[in-house]
Amino acid sequence: MSDDIFEESTDNIILPEDENPLRNEIKTSTAIKLNFSGVVTELKKSHAKTKLFTIEDMVCDDDGLIHSGFVFSAANYAALASINEQYCVTINARINFLGAIRLGDVVEFEAQAYFDDSRKRDARVIGKVRDIKVFEGTFSLVVLEEHIFLAQQKNIQKEAAIRRAKDKAQ
């Protein structure tokens, strides 16, 4: 299957990657594969809407059931988009799958973020297929000042320096 998730174009679909009109406004997860995580269709302060177009690569059985991991990933992406910060990571999620999703379904997610003045924020996400709620969850996310790998490396170096100082003192 091609990387393009749309077999045909319609006026109601926002195309991924190079044709997404919001691509220049999105700061979070800029290298994410939209065909697996969804397309941002609306972006406001502390609010985002996304659509996940289900594809064959997401199917987990012969009946066309979409694996829940793809649904979770798409909901998480909606949560991240609602915060829309470059260095934001998910640290917790409380979720409920309320209905099965099948190949060909379009899942529309709406995410509302809270606690704008804090580094730790929550985002409430609702997912629907044809106006039927199939997913709900709350994601806890942290906004960092730098990439998490750089922050981890600095923390490891700091802990190593503390250990060396303790060893030297003994």
N, C-alpha and C. Protein backbone atom coordinates (compact mmCIF):
# COMPACT_ATOMS: atom_id res chain seq x y z
N MET A 1 0.84 -1.18 0.00
CA MET A 1 0.00 0.00 0.00
C MET A 1 0.88 1.24 0.00
N SER A 2 0.47 2.28 -0.68
CA SER A 2 1.27 3.50 -0.75
C SER A 2 1.23 4.23 0.58
N ASP A 3 2.16 5.18 0.76
CA ASP A 3 2.19 5.96 1.99
C ASP A 3 1.03 6.94 2.06
N ASP A 4 0.41 7.24 0.94
CA ASP A 4 -0.71 8.16 0.93
C ASP A 4 -1.93 7.44 1.47
N ILE A 5 -2.58 8.01 2.49
CA ILE A 5 -3.68 7.30 3.13
C ILE A 5 -5.00 7.49 2.41
N PHE A 6 -5.05 8.31 1.41
CA PHE A 6 -6.31 8.59 0.74
C PHE A 6 -6.29 8.01 -0.66
N GLU A 7 -7.25 7.16 -0.95
CA GLU A 7 -7.38 6.61 -2.29
C GLU A 7 -7.98 7.63 -3.24
N GLU A 8 -8.87 8.46 -2.71
CA GLU A 8 -9.46 9.51 -3.52
C GLU A 8 -9.62 10.74 -2.65
N SER A 9 -9.65 11.90 -3.26
CA SER A 9 -9.72 13.15 -2.53
C SER A 9 -11.15 13.68 -2.55
N THR A 10 -11.58 14.22 -1.41
CA THR A 10 -12.87 14.89 -1.37
C THR A 10 -12.66 16.26 -0.74
N ASP A 11 -13.64 17.12 -0.88
CA ASP A 11 -13.52 18.47 -0.34
C ASP A 11 -13.49 18.49 1.18
N ASN A 12 -14.01 17.44 1.84
CA ASN A 12 -14.09 17.42 3.29
C ASN A 12 -12.86 16.86 3.97
N ILE A 13 -11.89 16.37 3.23
CA ILE A 13 -10.72 15.73 3.82
C ILE A 13 -9.52 16.66 3.73
N ILE A 14 -8.84 16.82 4.86
CA ILE A 14 -7.59 17.57 4.88
C ILE A 14 -6.48 16.57 4.65
N LEU A 15 -5.71 16.77 3.63
CA LEU A 15 -4.68 15.81 3.26
C LEU A 15 -3.48 15.90 4.19
N PRO A 16 -2.77 14.78 4.41
CA PRO A 16 -1.63 14.77 5.32
C PRO A 16 -0.37 15.37 4.69
N GLU A 17 0.65 15.43 5.54
CA GLU A 17 1.99 15.86 5.18
C GLU A 17 2.00 17.19 4.42
N ASP A 18 2.34 17.17 3.14
CA ASP A 18 2.60 18.40 2.40
C ASP A 18 1.36 19.22 2.08
N GLU A 19 0.16 18.65 2.18
CA GLU A 19 -1.03 19.40 1.83
C GLU A 19 -1.86 19.79 3.05
N ASN A 20 -1.39 19.51 4.24
CA ASN A 20 -2.11 19.87 5.46
C ASN A 20 -1.96 21.38 5.69
N PRO A 21 -3.05 22.15 5.64
CA PRO A 21 -2.94 23.60 5.78
C PRO A 21 -2.45 24.05 7.16
N LEU A 22 -2.51 23.19 8.16
CA LEU A 22 -2.06 23.55 9.51
C LEU A 22 -0.61 23.17 9.77
N ARG A 23 0.08 22.60 8.79
CA ARG A 23 1.42 22.06 9.02
C ARG A 23 2.40 23.09 9.59
N ASN A 24 2.25 24.36 9.25
CA ASN A 24 3.18 25.38 9.74
C ASN A 24 2.83 25.87 11.13
N GLU A 25 1.66 25.53 11.63
CA GLU A 25 1.24 25.94 12.96
C GLU A 25 1.52 24.87 14.01
N ILE A 26 1.74 23.64 13.59
CA ILE A 26 1.92 22.53 14.52
C ILE A 26 3.38 22.46 14.96
N LYS A 27 3.59 22.57 16.29
CA LYS A 27 4.94 22.55 16.86
C LYS A 27 5.31 21.17 17.41
N THR A 28 4.30 20.37 17.74
CA THR A 28 4.53 19.09 18.41
C THR A 28 4.65 17.95 17.41
N SER A 29 5.48 16.99 17.71
CA SER A 29 5.57 15.74 16.95
C SER A 29 5.61 15.97 15.44
N THR A 30 6.48 16.84 15.00
CA THR A 30 6.49 17.25 13.60
C THR A 30 6.90 16.14 12.64
N ALA A 31 7.54 15.10 13.11
CA ALA A 31 7.97 14.00 12.23
C ALA A 31 7.03 12.80 12.29
N ILE A 32 5.92 12.92 13.01
CA ILE A 32 5.00 11.80 13.18
C ILE A 32 4.37 11.42 11.84
N LYS A 33 4.11 10.14 11.65
CA LYS A 33 3.45 9.65 10.44
C LYS A 33 1.94 9.85 10.59
N LEU A 34 1.41 10.81 9.88
CA LEU A 34 0.01 11.18 10.02
C LEU A 34 -0.94 10.07 9.61
N ASN A 35 -0.50 9.17 8.72
CA ASN A 35 -1.40 8.09 8.32
C ASN A 35 -1.62 7.09 9.45
N PHE A 36 -0.81 7.13 10.50
CA PHE A 36 -1.02 6.28 11.66
C PHE A 36 -1.52 7.04 12.88
N SER A 37 -1.40 8.36 12.89
CA SER A 37 -1.76 9.13 14.09
C SER A 37 -2.85 10.16 13.86
N GLY A 38 -3.21 10.41 12.62
CA GLY A 38 -4.29 11.34 12.34
C GLY A 38 -3.78 12.66 11.80
N VAL A 39 -4.72 13.45 11.35
CA VAL A 39 -4.45 14.75 10.74
C VAL A 39 -5.14 15.81 11.57
N VAL A 40 -4.41 16.86 11.91
CA VAL A 40 -5.00 17.97 12.65
C VAL A 40 -5.92 18.75 11.72
N THR A 41 -7.18 18.91 12.12
CA THR A 41 -8.14 19.62 11.30
C THR A 41 -8.53 20.97 11.89
N GLU A 42 -8.25 21.14 13.19
CA GLU A 42 -8.52 22.42 13.85
C GLU A 42 -7.51 22.59 14.97
N LEU A 43 -6.97 23.80 15.09
CA LEU A 43 -5.94 24.06 16.08
C LEU A 43 -6.16 25.44 16.68
N LYS A 44 -6.46 25.46 17.98
CA LYS A 44 -6.64 26.70 18.73
C LYS A 44 -5.88 26.56 20.03
N LYS A 45 -5.77 27.64 20.78
CA LYS A 45 -5.11 27.58 22.08
C LYS A 45 -5.83 26.57 22.97
N SER A 46 -5.11 25.57 23.43
CA SER A 46 -5.61 24.53 24.33
C SER A 46 -6.71 23.67 23.73
N HIS A 47 -6.79 23.61 22.42
CA HIS A 47 -7.86 22.85 21.77
C HIS A 47 -7.39 22.37 20.40
N ALA A 48 -7.72 21.12 20.09
CA ALA A 48 -7.40 20.58 18.76
C ALA A 48 -8.44 19.56 18.36
N LYS A 49 -8.63 19.46 17.05
CA LYS A 49 -9.44 18.40 16.48
C LYS A 49 -8.58 17.68 15.46
N THR A 50 -8.70 16.35 15.44
CA THR A 50 -7.95 15.55 14.49
C THR A 50 -8.88 14.49 13.89
N LYS A 51 -8.44 13.93 12.77
CA LYS A 51 -9.15 12.81 12.16
C LYS A 51 -8.16 11.69 11.88
N LEU A 52 -8.54 10.49 12.25
CA LEU A 52 -7.76 9.30 11.94
C LEU A 52 -8.51 8.54 10.86
N PHE A 53 -7.88 8.40 9.70
CA PHE A 53 -8.45 7.64 8.60
C PHE A 53 -7.89 6.23 8.69
N THR A 54 -8.73 5.26 9.02
CA THR A 54 -8.25 3.90 9.23
C THR A 54 -7.83 3.26 7.91
N ILE A 55 -6.72 2.52 7.96
CA ILE A 55 -6.15 1.90 6.76
C ILE A 55 -5.85 0.43 7.03
N GLU A 56 -5.59 -0.30 5.98
CA GLU A 56 -5.34 -1.74 6.04
C GLU A 56 -4.21 -2.10 7.01
N ASP A 57 -3.18 -1.27 7.09
CA ASP A 57 -2.04 -1.56 7.96
C ASP A 57 -2.40 -1.55 9.45
N MET A 58 -3.58 -1.04 9.81
CA MET A 58 -4.02 -0.98 11.21
C MET A 58 -4.88 -2.17 11.62
N VAL A 59 -5.26 -2.99 10.66
CA VAL A 59 -6.20 -4.09 10.89
C VAL A 59 -5.51 -5.22 11.65
N CYS A 60 -6.24 -5.80 12.63
CA CYS A 60 -5.65 -6.86 13.44
C CYS A 60 -6.37 -8.21 13.29
N ASP A 61 -7.41 -8.28 12.48
CA ASP A 61 -8.06 -9.57 12.26
C ASP A 61 -8.73 -9.61 10.88
N ASP A 62 -9.28 -10.75 10.53
CA ASP A 62 -9.88 -10.93 9.21
C ASP A 62 -11.20 -10.18 9.03
N ASP A 63 -11.76 -9.65 10.12
CA ASP A 63 -13.02 -8.92 10.04
C ASP A 63 -12.83 -7.41 9.91
N GLY A 64 -11.58 -6.94 9.87
CA GLY A 64 -11.32 -5.52 9.67
C GLY A 64 -11.28 -4.70 10.95
N LEU A 65 -11.12 -5.36 12.10
CA LEU A 65 -11.02 -4.65 13.37
C LEU A 65 -9.71 -3.85 13.41
N ILE A 66 -9.80 -2.58 13.79
CA ILE A 66 -8.61 -1.74 13.93
C ILE A 66 -8.00 -1.98 15.31
N HIS A 67 -6.71 -2.23 15.35
CA HIS A 67 -6.01 -2.47 16.62
C HIS A 67 -6.11 -1.22 17.50
N SER A 68 -6.40 -1.42 18.77
CA SER A 68 -6.61 -0.32 19.70
C SER A 68 -5.37 0.56 19.88
N GLY A 69 -4.19 0.02 19.63
CA GLY A 69 -2.97 0.81 19.76
C GLY A 69 -2.95 2.00 18.81
N PHE A 70 -3.50 1.83 17.62
CA PHE A 70 -3.56 2.94 16.67
C PHE A 70 -4.54 4.00 17.14
N VAL A 71 -5.63 3.56 17.75
CA VAL A 71 -6.61 4.50 18.28
C VAL A 71 -6.00 5.29 19.44
N PHE A 72 -5.30 4.59 20.33
CA PHE A 72 -4.63 5.25 21.44
C PHE A 72 -3.61 6.27 20.92
N SER A 73 -2.80 5.87 19.95
CA SER A 73 -1.79 6.77 19.39
C SER A 73 -2.43 8.02 18.81
N ALA A 74 -3.52 7.86 18.09
CA ALA A 74 -4.20 9.00 17.48
C ALA A 74 -4.80 9.92 18.55
N ALA A 75 -5.34 9.34 19.62
CA ALA A 75 -5.87 10.15 20.71
C ALA A 75 -4.75 10.90 21.42
N ASN A 76 -3.62 10.23 21.61
CA ASN A 76 -2.45 10.87 22.22
C ASN A 76 -1.96 12.03 21.36
N TYR A 77 -1.95 11.85 20.05
CA TYR A 77 -1.53 12.92 19.14
C TYR A 77 -2.48 14.11 19.24
N ALA A 78 -3.77 13.85 19.37
CA ALA A 78 -4.74 14.94 19.54
C ALA A 78 -4.45 15.71 20.84
N ALA A 79 -4.14 14.97 21.92
CA ALA A 79 -3.80 15.60 23.19
C ALA A 79 -2.56 16.48 23.04
N LEU A 80 -1.52 15.95 22.39
CA LEU A 80 -0.31 16.72 22.16
C LEU A 80 -0.59 17.97 21.33
N ALA A 81 -1.43 17.83 20.31
CA ALA A 81 -1.75 18.98 19.44
C ALA A 81 -2.51 20.04 20.22
N SER A 82 -3.34 19.64 21.19
CA SER A 82 -4.08 20.64 21.97
C SER A 82 -3.14 21.51 22.81
N ILE A 83 -2.00 20.97 23.18
CA ILE A 83 -1.00 21.74 23.92
C ILE A 83 -0.06 22.44 22.93
N ASN A 84 0.30 21.73 21.88
CA ASN A 84 1.08 22.27 20.75
C ASN A 84 2.37 22.96 21.18
N GLU A 85 3.15 22.28 21.97
CA GLU A 85 4.48 22.75 22.35
C GLU A 85 5.52 21.80 21.76
N GLN A 86 6.66 22.33 21.39
CA GLN A 86 7.68 21.52 20.73
C GLN A 86 8.15 20.36 21.60
N TYR A 87 8.41 20.62 22.87
CA TYR A 87 8.94 19.60 23.75
C TYR A 87 7.87 19.23 24.79
N CYS A 88 6.98 18.37 24.41
CA CYS A 88 5.89 17.93 25.27
C CYS A 88 5.84 16.41 25.21
N VAL A 89 5.75 15.77 26.37
CA VAL A 89 5.70 14.31 26.44
C VAL A 89 4.55 13.86 27.31
N THR A 90 4.00 12.72 26.97
CA THR A 90 2.92 12.11 27.73
C THR A 90 3.52 11.31 28.88
N ILE A 91 2.98 11.52 30.08
CA ILE A 91 3.49 10.79 31.25
C ILE A 91 2.45 9.87 31.86
N ASN A 92 1.19 10.02 31.45
CA ASN A 92 0.14 9.18 32.01
C ASN A 92 -1.09 9.28 31.12
N ALA A 93 -1.90 8.23 31.14
CA ALA A 93 -3.17 8.27 30.41
C ALA A 93 -4.18 7.39 31.13
N ARG A 94 -5.37 7.91 31.24
CA ARG A 94 -6.51 7.14 31.76
C ARG A 94 -7.53 7.12 30.62
N ILE A 95 -7.76 5.94 30.06
CA ILE A 95 -8.56 5.86 28.83
C ILE A 95 -9.64 4.79 28.91
N ASN A 96 -10.63 4.94 28.05
CA ASN A 96 -11.68 3.94 27.88
C ASN A 96 -11.97 3.79 26.40
N PHE A 97 -11.96 2.54 25.93
CA PHE A 97 -12.42 2.23 24.58
C PHE A 97 -13.89 1.89 24.70
N LEU A 98 -14.74 2.60 24.00
CA LEU A 98 -16.18 2.45 24.15
C LEU A 98 -16.85 1.74 22.99
N GLY A 99 -16.11 1.53 21.91
CA GLY A 99 -16.68 0.85 20.75
C GLY A 99 -15.59 0.38 19.82
N ALA A 100 -15.91 -0.62 19.03
CA ALA A 100 -14.95 -1.16 18.08
C ALA A 100 -14.89 -0.26 16.84
N ILE A 101 -13.71 -0.22 16.25
CA ILE A 101 -13.49 0.58 15.05
C ILE A 101 -13.06 -0.37 13.95
N ARG A 102 -13.65 -0.18 12.77
CA ARG A 102 -13.36 -1.08 11.66
C ARG A 102 -12.69 -0.34 10.52
N LEU A 103 -12.07 -1.11 9.67
CA LEU A 103 -11.41 -0.57 8.49
C LEU A 103 -12.39 0.31 7.71
N GLY A 104 -11.94 1.49 7.36
CA GLY A 104 -12.76 2.44 6.61
C GLY A 104 -13.40 3.51 7.48
N ASP A 105 -13.47 3.25 8.81
CA ASP A 105 -14.02 4.27 9.71
C ASP A 105 -13.08 5.46 9.79
N VAL A 106 -13.67 6.63 9.97
CA VAL A 106 -12.90 7.85 10.25
C VAL A 106 -13.21 8.22 11.69
N VAL A 107 -12.17 8.25 12.51
CA VAL A 107 -12.33 8.60 13.93
C VAL A 107 -11.99 10.07 14.09
N GLU A 108 -12.93 10.83 14.60
CA GLU A 108 -12.71 12.25 14.84
C GLU A 108 -12.45 12.45 16.32
N PHE A 109 -11.29 13.04 16.63
CA PHE A 109 -10.91 13.29 18.01
C PHE A 109 -11.01 14.78 18.30
N GLU A 110 -11.47 15.08 19.50
CA GLU A 110 -11.47 16.46 19.98
C GLU A 110 -10.75 16.47 21.31
N ALA A 111 -9.76 17.34 21.43
CA ALA A 111 -8.94 17.40 22.65
C ALA A 111 -8.99 18.80 23.24
N GLN A 112 -9.18 18.85 24.54
CA GLN A 112 -9.19 20.12 25.28
C GLN A 112 -8.14 20.03 26.36
N ALA A 113 -7.17 20.94 26.34
CA ALA A 113 -6.09 20.95 27.33
C ALA A 113 -6.44 21.88 28.48
N TYR A 114 -5.90 21.56 29.65
CA TYR A 114 -6.14 22.35 30.86
C TYR A 114 -4.82 22.69 31.53
N PHE A 115 -4.84 23.69 32.41
CA PHE A 115 -3.68 24.11 33.21
C PHE A 115 -2.60 24.74 32.33
N ASP A 116 -2.98 25.71 31.51
CA ASP A 116 -2.06 26.37 30.57
C ASP A 116 -0.83 26.98 31.23
N ASP A 117 -0.93 27.40 32.48
CA ASP A 117 0.18 28.07 33.13
C ASP A 117 1.16 27.11 33.81
N SER A 118 0.89 25.84 33.71
CA SER A 118 1.71 24.84 34.37
C SER A 118 2.52 24.04 33.36
N ARG A 119 3.65 23.50 33.80
CA ARG A 119 4.41 22.58 32.93
C ARG A 119 3.67 21.26 32.78
N LYS A 120 2.99 20.81 33.84
CA LYS A 120 2.21 19.58 33.76
C LYS A 120 0.78 19.96 33.39
N ARG A 121 0.28 19.33 32.34
CA ARG A 121 -1.05 19.67 31.84
C ARG A 121 -1.84 18.40 31.58
N ASP A 122 -3.13 18.53 31.63
CA ASP A 122 -4.03 17.44 31.28
C ASP A 122 -4.76 17.81 30.00
N ALA A 123 -5.06 16.79 29.21
CA ALA A 123 -5.86 17.00 28.00
C ALA A 123 -6.94 15.93 27.98
N ARG A 124 -8.16 16.37 27.86
CA ARG A 124 -9.32 15.47 27.77
C ARG A 124 -9.59 15.22 26.29
N VAL A 125 -9.68 13.96 25.89
CA VAL A 125 -9.86 13.60 24.48
C VAL A 125 -11.09 12.72 24.33
N ILE A 126 -11.93 13.08 23.37
CA ILE A 126 -13.11 12.29 23.00
C ILE A 126 -12.94 11.89 21.54
N GLY A 127 -13.17 10.62 21.24
CA GLY A 127 -13.10 10.13 19.86
C GLY A 127 -14.47 9.61 19.43
N LYS A 128 -14.87 10.00 18.23
CA LYS A 128 -16.18 9.58 17.72
C LYS A 128 -16.05 9.06 16.29
N VAL A 129 -16.91 8.10 15.97
CA VAL A 129 -17.10 7.62 14.61
C VAL A 129 -18.57 7.87 14.28
N ARG A 130 -18.80 8.68 13.27
CA ARG A 130 -20.18 9.03 12.89
C ARG A 130 -21.01 9.46 14.09
N ASP A 131 -20.47 10.38 14.89
CA ASP A 131 -21.14 10.95 16.07
C ASP A 131 -21.39 9.95 17.19
N ILE A 132 -20.80 8.77 17.13
CA ILE A 132 -20.90 7.78 18.20
C ILE A 132 -19.57 7.77 18.95
N LYS A 133 -19.63 8.02 20.26
CA LYS A 133 -18.40 8.06 21.06
C LYS A 133 -17.80 6.67 21.15
N VAL A 134 -16.55 6.52 20.72
CA VAL A 134 -15.85 5.24 20.76
C VAL A 134 -14.62 5.26 21.66
N PHE A 135 -14.24 6.48 22.11
CA PHE A 135 -13.03 6.62 22.92
C PHE A 135 -13.20 7.84 23.81
N GLU A 136 -12.70 7.71 25.04
CA GLU A 136 -12.58 8.87 25.92
C GLU A 136 -11.37 8.66 26.80
N GLY A 137 -10.69 9.74 27.11
CA GLY A 137 -9.52 9.61 27.95
C GLY A 137 -8.98 10.94 28.40
N THR A 138 -8.17 10.87 29.42
CA THR A 138 -7.45 12.04 29.92
C THR A 138 -5.96 11.71 29.89
N PHE A 139 -5.21 12.55 29.22
CA PHE A 139 -3.77 12.38 29.09
C PHE A 139 -3.08 13.43 29.96
N SER A 140 -2.09 12.99 30.73
CA SER A 140 -1.24 13.91 31.49
C SER A 140 0.04 14.09 30.70
N LEU A 141 0.40 15.35 30.48
CA LEU A 141 1.56 15.66 29.65
C LEU A 141 2.43 16.69 30.36
N VAL A 142 3.71 16.70 30.04
CA VAL A 142 4.63 17.66 30.62
C VAL A 142 5.31 18.41 29.48
N VAL A 143 5.34 19.74 29.63
CA VAL A 143 6.04 20.59 28.67
C VAL A 143 7.46 20.79 29.20
N LEU A 144 8.43 20.42 28.37
CA LEU A 144 9.85 20.52 28.75
C LEU A 144 10.50 21.72 28.05
N GLU A 145 11.64 22.14 28.56
CA GLU A 145 12.37 23.25 27.95
C GLU A 145 13.28 22.78 26.81
N GLU A 146 13.54 21.47 26.78
CA GLU A 146 14.41 20.91 25.76
C GLU A 146 13.95 19.49 25.47
N HIS A 147 14.53 18.88 24.45
CA HIS A 147 14.15 17.51 24.08
C HIS A 147 14.38 16.58 25.26
N ILE A 148 13.50 15.63 25.45
CA ILE A 148 13.59 14.73 26.60
C ILE A 148 14.91 13.95 26.63
N PHE A 149 15.45 13.59 25.49
CA PHE A 149 16.72 12.86 25.48
C PHE A 149 17.85 13.74 26.01
N LEU A 150 17.86 15.01 25.67
CA LEU A 150 18.87 15.94 26.17
C LEU A 150 18.69 16.13 27.68
N ALA A 151 17.46 16.28 28.12
CA ALA A 151 17.18 16.43 29.54
C ALA A 151 17.62 15.19 30.31
N GLN A 152 17.36 13.99 29.77
CA GLN A 152 17.79 12.76 30.42
C GLN A 152 19.31 12.68 30.50
N GLN A 153 19.97 13.04 29.41
CA GLN A 153 21.44 13.00 29.39
C GLN A 153 22.01 13.93 30.45
N LYS A 154 21.46 15.13 30.56
CA LYS A 154 21.94 16.07 31.58
C LYS A 154 21.69 15.54 32.98
N ASN A 155 20.56 14.89 33.19
CA ASN A 155 20.23 14.33 34.50
C ASN A 155 21.19 13.20 34.85
N ILE A 156 21.51 12.33 33.88
CA ILE A 156 22.47 11.25 34.11
C ILE A 156 23.84 11.81 34.46
N GLN A 157 24.27 12.83 33.73
CA GLN A 157 25.57 13.45 34.00
C GLN A 157 25.59 14.09 35.39
N LYS A 158 24.49 14.72 35.76
CA LYS A 158 24.39 15.35 37.08
C LYS A 158 24.47 14.29 38.18
N GLU A 159 23.74 13.19 38.02
CA GLU A 159 23.76 12.11 39.02
C GLU A 159 25.15 11.48 39.10
N ALA A 160 25.81 11.33 37.96
CA ALA A 160 27.17 10.77 37.97
C ALA A 160 28.13 11.68 38.70
N ALA A 161 28.00 12.99 38.52
CA ALA A 161 28.87 13.94 39.20
C ALA A 161 28.63 13.89 40.71
N ILE A 162 27.38 13.74 41.12
CA ILE A 162 27.06 13.64 42.55
C ILE A 162 27.66 12.37 43.13
N ARG A 163 27.56 11.23 42.40
CA ARG A 163 28.15 9.98 42.88
C ARG A 163 29.68 10.10 42.99
N ARG A 164 30.30 10.71 41.98
CA ARG A 164 31.76 10.88 42.03
C ARG A 164 32.17 11.73 43.23
N ALA A 165 31.41 12.78 43.49
CA ALA A 165 31.72 13.66 44.63
C ALA A 165 31.56 12.90 45.95
N LYS A 166 30.54 12.07 46.07
CA LYS A 166 30.34 11.27 47.28
C LYS A 166 31.47 10.25 47.44
N ASP A 167 31.83 9.59 46.33
CA ASP A 167 32.91 8.61 46.39
C ASP A 167 34.23 9.28 46.78
N LYS A 168 34.46 10.45 46.25
CA LYS A 168 35.70 11.19 46.55
C LYS A 168 35.74 11.61 48.02
N ALA A 169 34.59 11.98 48.56
CA ALA A 169 34.49 12.42 49.94
C ALA A 169 34.71 11.27 50.92
N GLN A 170 34.44 10.05 50.48
CA GLN A 170 34.59 8.89 51.38
C GLN A 170 35.98 8.47 51.36
